[in-house]
Each structure stands twice: as structure tokens, then as C-alpha cells.
């Protein structure tokens, strides 16, 4: 276990992770290209959810490499990585159930998005988030719910548009779960660790 922690927090490994996330972020925005072309300009920041999540994490890694921190970026990275990482896995599984098949890109998306959520949890010990930072991140992802499901900006997933209301309901509770998880891991556990050292 100590060996794994040493590797995860090694600066060379983090630099490699930074490059991987940077390239993944660029590809993610490209994946949204066709949808972004028909998206009203005022909704553009809120449509490409997953690449924006990985962008937050990429910024977090970059700041770590230059020995700086931004708790707000850390909070945004954690909640958005966990939420959209799990969400994309769920959507691709639902596509498999509805269509009876899933392309190789669908399986690739499931693996990469699961890795997104896992990254957030693995690198949580490096994050220093307070309740005010989590509040900002919570407003961001809940606001995205409104953009996606009230203003109909949900990412295009083949036949899943037929289940948009149900998906919106489940996604709302996924957001709540993510916020509670962030509080437990990033705030409650840190406060407990600090109290034990005093």
C-alpha cells in the first residue's frame, strides 16, 4: 500500500497524469463538437460536463506541480469528476440495456470515466477544501442540472432522450450523493484527522 501511495504522489507520475488528463480534456471537448455547434452561446460553458470536470482536475495537477493550491478548483474537480465519471458509466450501461449493444467507444468511455471518478478519490488527500469551497462546487453541479434538464442541454445519447425525465431525476440524486461524499472525504475526515493530532 505504501508503494502505491509513493507512486501516486510521485511528482513524475503526477506530471504524466497531468499530460494524460490534458489530452483527455482536449479529446473530450472534441467529442462534444457536434453538440457545441448547435448550442446557444450562453449555454456553452455548461454543456461539455466531463471535459470540464477533467479540466478542473488538470488545473489542480498543474497547480500541485508548481507547488500552489486552489481549494475552489479542488472542490470543483472532486465533485465534477465523481459525478460525471459515474454518470457516464451509468449512461453507457443504460445504452447497452436499451440498444442491446454498445460500441467499443462506449466501453472506452466507461473505462475512462470510471478512472475520472477514481482519480478524485485517490488524490483527495492532496486537497484542502473547506465548506465554502464545497458550497461553490455544489452550486456549480446543481446549476448544471437545471441547464441540462430544464433547458434541454443534456448530452446526446442515442435513444436515451426517451428517458430524459427519469435520467434527470437520477442525476439529481447522483449530485446530492457526490456532494455528501465530498463533505465526508474532504471536510469531515480532515477535521477528524486534525482533532486526533491535537
Protein backbone atom coordinates (compact mmCIF):
# COMPACT_ATOMS: atom_id res chain seq x y z
CA UNK A 1 0.00 0.00 0.00
CA UNK A 2 2.81 2.42 0.86
CA UNK A 3 4.42 1.65 -2.50
CA UNK A 4 1.19 2.53 -4.31
CA UNK A 5 0.89 5.80 -2.37
CA UNK A 6 4.51 6.62 -3.16
CA UNK A 7 3.87 6.09 -6.87
CA UNK A 8 0.60 8.05 -6.89
CA UNK A 9 2.12 11.08 -5.20
CA UNK A 10 5.46 10.99 -7.02
CA UNK A 11 5.89 14.22 -9.00
CA UNK A 12 6.94 12.38 -12.18
CA UNK A 13 3.81 10.23 -12.05
CA UNK A 14 1.65 13.29 -11.38
CA UNK A 15 3.24 15.04 -14.37
CA UNK A 16 2.37 12.01 -16.53
CA UNK A 17 -1.18 12.10 -15.14
CA UNK A 18 -1.33 15.81 -15.96
CA UNK A 19 -0.43 15.11 -19.60
CA UNK A 20 -2.96 12.25 -19.83
CA UNK A 21 -5.73 14.43 -18.38
CA UNK A 22 -4.80 17.36 -20.60
CA UNK A 23 -5.03 15.20 -23.73
CA UNK A 24 -8.24 13.59 -22.44
CA UNK A 25 -9.75 17.03 -21.83
CA UNK A 26 -8.93 18.16 -25.37
CA UNK A 27 -10.44 14.96 -26.79
CA UNK A 28 -13.49 15.41 -24.56
CA UNK A 29 -14.23 18.86 -25.95
CA UNK A 30 -13.75 17.47 -29.46
CA UNK A 31 -16.26 14.68 -28.66
CA UNK A 32 -18.82 17.39 -27.87
CA UNK A 33 -18.03 19.28 -31.11
CA UNK A 34 -21.27 18.49 -32.96
CA UNK A 35 -23.43 19.36 -29.95
CA UNK A 36 -21.49 22.55 -29.18
CA UNK A 37 -22.02 23.73 -32.77
CA UNK A 38 -25.80 23.87 -32.19
CA UNK A 39 -25.66 25.05 -28.56
CA UNK A 40 -26.66 28.66 -27.79
CA UNK A 41 -23.56 30.62 -26.81
CA UNK A 42 -24.78 31.35 -23.25
CA UNK A 43 -25.05 27.62 -22.56
CA UNK A 44 -21.61 26.68 -23.92
CA UNK A 45 -19.78 26.58 -20.54
CA UNK A 46 -22.33 24.14 -19.13
CA UNK A 47 -22.72 21.55 -21.89
CA UNK A 48 -19.37 19.69 -22.04
CA UNK A 49 -19.61 18.35 -18.48
CA UNK A 50 -16.99 15.58 -18.49
CA UNK A 51 -14.19 17.50 -20.26
CA UNK A 52 -14.81 20.47 -17.97
CA UNK A 53 -14.51 18.11 -14.99
CA UNK A 54 -11.18 16.78 -16.29
CA UNK A 55 -10.11 20.38 -17.00
CA UNK A 56 -10.62 21.24 -13.32
CA UNK A 57 -8.54 18.20 -12.36
CA UNK A 58 -5.84 19.09 -14.90
CA UNK A 59 -5.61 22.58 -13.39
CA UNK A 60 -5.41 21.01 -9.91
CA UNK A 61 -2.50 18.79 -11.04
CA UNK A 62 -0.73 21.72 -12.69
CA UNK A 63 -1.03 23.82 -9.54
CA UNK A 64 0.30 20.93 -7.47
CA UNK A 65 3.32 20.61 -9.77
CA UNK A 66 4.15 24.31 -9.30
CA UNK A 67 3.51 23.98 -5.55
CA UNK A 68 0.34 26.04 -5.43
CA UNK A 69 -3.24 25.24 -4.47
CA UNK A 70 -6.74 26.48 -5.22
CA UNK A 71 -9.33 24.92 -2.90
CA UNK A 72 -12.17 26.09 -5.15
CA UNK A 73 -10.65 24.32 -8.17
CA UNK A 74 -10.07 21.24 -5.97
CA UNK A 75 -13.71 21.20 -4.89
CA UNK A 76 -14.91 21.65 -8.47
CA UNK A 77 -12.56 18.90 -9.64
CA UNK A 78 -13.67 16.41 -6.98
CA UNK A 79 -17.44 16.82 -7.29
CA UNK A 80 -17.48 17.05 -11.08
CA UNK A 81 -15.10 14.10 -11.60
CA UNK A 82 -17.10 11.85 -9.30
CA UNK A 83 -20.49 12.96 -10.61
CA UNK A 84 -19.77 12.87 -14.33
CA UNK A 85 -17.47 9.89 -14.05
CA UNK A 86 -20.26 7.80 -12.50
CA UNK A 87 -22.91 9.42 -14.72
CA UNK A 88 -21.16 8.47 -17.97
CA UNK A 89 -20.73 4.88 -16.80
CA UNK A 90 -24.45 4.75 -15.98
CA UNK A 91 -25.45 6.25 -19.34
CA UNK A 92 -23.35 3.78 -21.31
CA UNK A 93 -24.74 0.87 -19.30
CA UNK A 94 -28.25 2.17 -19.96
CA UNK A 95 -27.40 2.45 -23.66
CA UNK A 96 -26.29 -1.19 -23.58
CA UNK A 97 -29.59 -2.19 -21.94
CA UNK A 98 -31.78 -0.14 -24.31
CA UNK A 99 -29.93 -0.89 -27.55
CA UNK A 100 -28.76 -4.37 -26.63
CA UNK A 101 -25.27 -3.46 -27.82
CA UNK A 102 -22.50 -0.96 -27.13
CA UNK A 103 -19.70 0.16 -29.42
CA UNK A 104 -16.06 -0.15 -28.45
CA UNK A 105 -16.02 3.61 -27.87
CA UNK A 106 -18.80 3.13 -25.34
CA UNK A 107 -16.68 0.68 -23.38
CA UNK A 108 -13.72 3.03 -23.69
CA UNK A 109 -15.84 5.87 -22.32
CA UNK A 110 -16.96 3.69 -19.41
CA UNK A 111 -13.35 2.84 -18.52
CA UNK A 112 -12.06 6.40 -18.87
CA UNK A 113 -14.93 7.92 -16.89
CA UNK A 114 -14.62 5.35 -14.13
CA UNK A 115 -10.95 6.37 -13.98
CA UNK A 116 -12.05 10.00 -13.66
CA UNK A 117 -14.10 9.25 -10.56
CA UNK A 118 -11.33 7.07 -9.13
CA UNK A 119 -8.77 9.85 -9.61
CA UNK A 120 -10.82 12.21 -7.49
CA UNK A 121 -10.90 9.77 -4.57
CA UNK A 122 -7.23 8.78 -4.87
CA UNK A 123 -6.00 12.37 -4.88
CA UNK A 124 -8.40 13.65 -2.23
CA UNK A 125 -5.60 13.59 0.41
CA UNK A 126 -3.85 16.38 -1.51
CA UNK A 127 -6.94 18.61 -1.45
CA UNK A 128 -7.60 21.22 1.21
CA UNK A 129 -11.24 22.09 0.90
CA UNK A 130 -13.46 23.99 3.30
CA UNK A 131 -17.23 24.16 3.38
CA UNK A 132 -17.30 27.44 1.41
CA UNK A 133 -15.38 25.81 -1.46
CA UNK A 134 -17.69 22.80 -1.48
CA UNK A 135 -20.68 25.17 -1.49
CA UNK A 136 -19.39 26.81 -4.68
CA UNK A 137 -18.83 23.42 -6.33
CA UNK A 138 -22.29 22.24 -5.22
CA UNK A 139 -23.94 25.28 -6.79
CA UNK A 140 -22.00 24.60 -10.00
CA UNK A 141 -23.13 20.98 -10.46
CA UNK A 142 -26.72 21.62 -9.34
CA UNK A 143 -26.89 24.60 -11.71
CA UNK A 144 -25.73 22.24 -14.45
CA UNK A 145 -28.71 20.02 -13.68
CA UNK A 146 -31.02 22.92 -14.49
CA UNK A 147 -29.19 23.69 -17.74
CA UNK A 148 -29.25 20.03 -18.81
CA UNK A 149 -32.79 19.04 -17.88
CA UNK A 150 -34.78 22.28 -17.73
CA UNK A 151 -33.22 23.95 -20.77
CA UNK A 152 -32.75 20.61 -22.57
CA UNK A 153 -28.97 20.73 -22.92
CA UNK A 154 -28.39 17.12 -21.87
CA UNK A 155 -25.58 15.37 -23.83
CA UNK A 156 -26.87 13.40 -26.82
CA UNK A 157 -27.00 9.66 -26.11
CA UNK A 158 -28.88 7.88 -28.94
CA UNK A 159 -32.28 6.61 -27.70
CA UNK A 160 -31.77 7.81 -24.13
CA UNK A 161 -33.59 11.06 -24.89
CA UNK A 162 -36.76 8.99 -24.44
CA UNK A 163 -35.86 8.65 -20.76
CA UNK A 164 -34.73 12.22 -20.15
CA UNK A 165 -37.07 12.86 -17.21
CA UNK A 166 -36.01 9.66 -15.43
CA UNK A 167 -32.34 10.36 -16.16
CA UNK A 168 -32.73 13.90 -14.81
CA UNK A 169 -34.25 12.56 -11.58
CA UNK A 170 -31.48 10.01 -11.05
CA UNK A 171 -28.82 12.58 -11.97
CA UNK A 172 -30.14 15.00 -9.34
CA UNK A 173 -29.71 12.37 -6.62
CA UNK A 174 -26.31 11.46 -8.01
CA UNK A 175 -25.33 15.10 -7.50
CA UNK A 176 -26.58 15.00 -3.90
CA UNK A 177 -24.63 11.78 -3.29
CA UNK A 178 -21.50 13.38 -4.76
CA UNK A 179 -21.81 16.46 -2.56
CA UNK A 180 -22.27 14.32 0.57
CA UNK A 181 -19.32 12.12 -0.42
CA UNK A 182 -17.17 15.21 -0.93
CA UNK A 183 -18.16 16.51 2.50
CA UNK A 184 -17.37 13.14 4.11
CA UNK A 185 -13.98 12.64 2.44
CA UNK A 186 -12.72 16.20 2.08
CA UNK A 187 -14.11 18.01 5.11
CA UNK A 188 -15.39 15.63 7.80
CA UNK A 189 -12.45 13.20 7.58
CA UNK A 190 -9.92 16.04 7.52
CA UNK A 191 -11.47 17.63 10.61
CA UNK A 192 -11.35 14.23 12.34
CA UNK A 193 -7.67 13.81 11.42
CA UNK A 194 -6.85 17.30 12.72
CA UNK A 195 -8.65 16.66 16.03
CA UNK A 196 -6.62 13.46 16.54
CA UNK A 197 -3.32 15.31 16.09
CA UNK A 198 -4.14 17.95 18.68
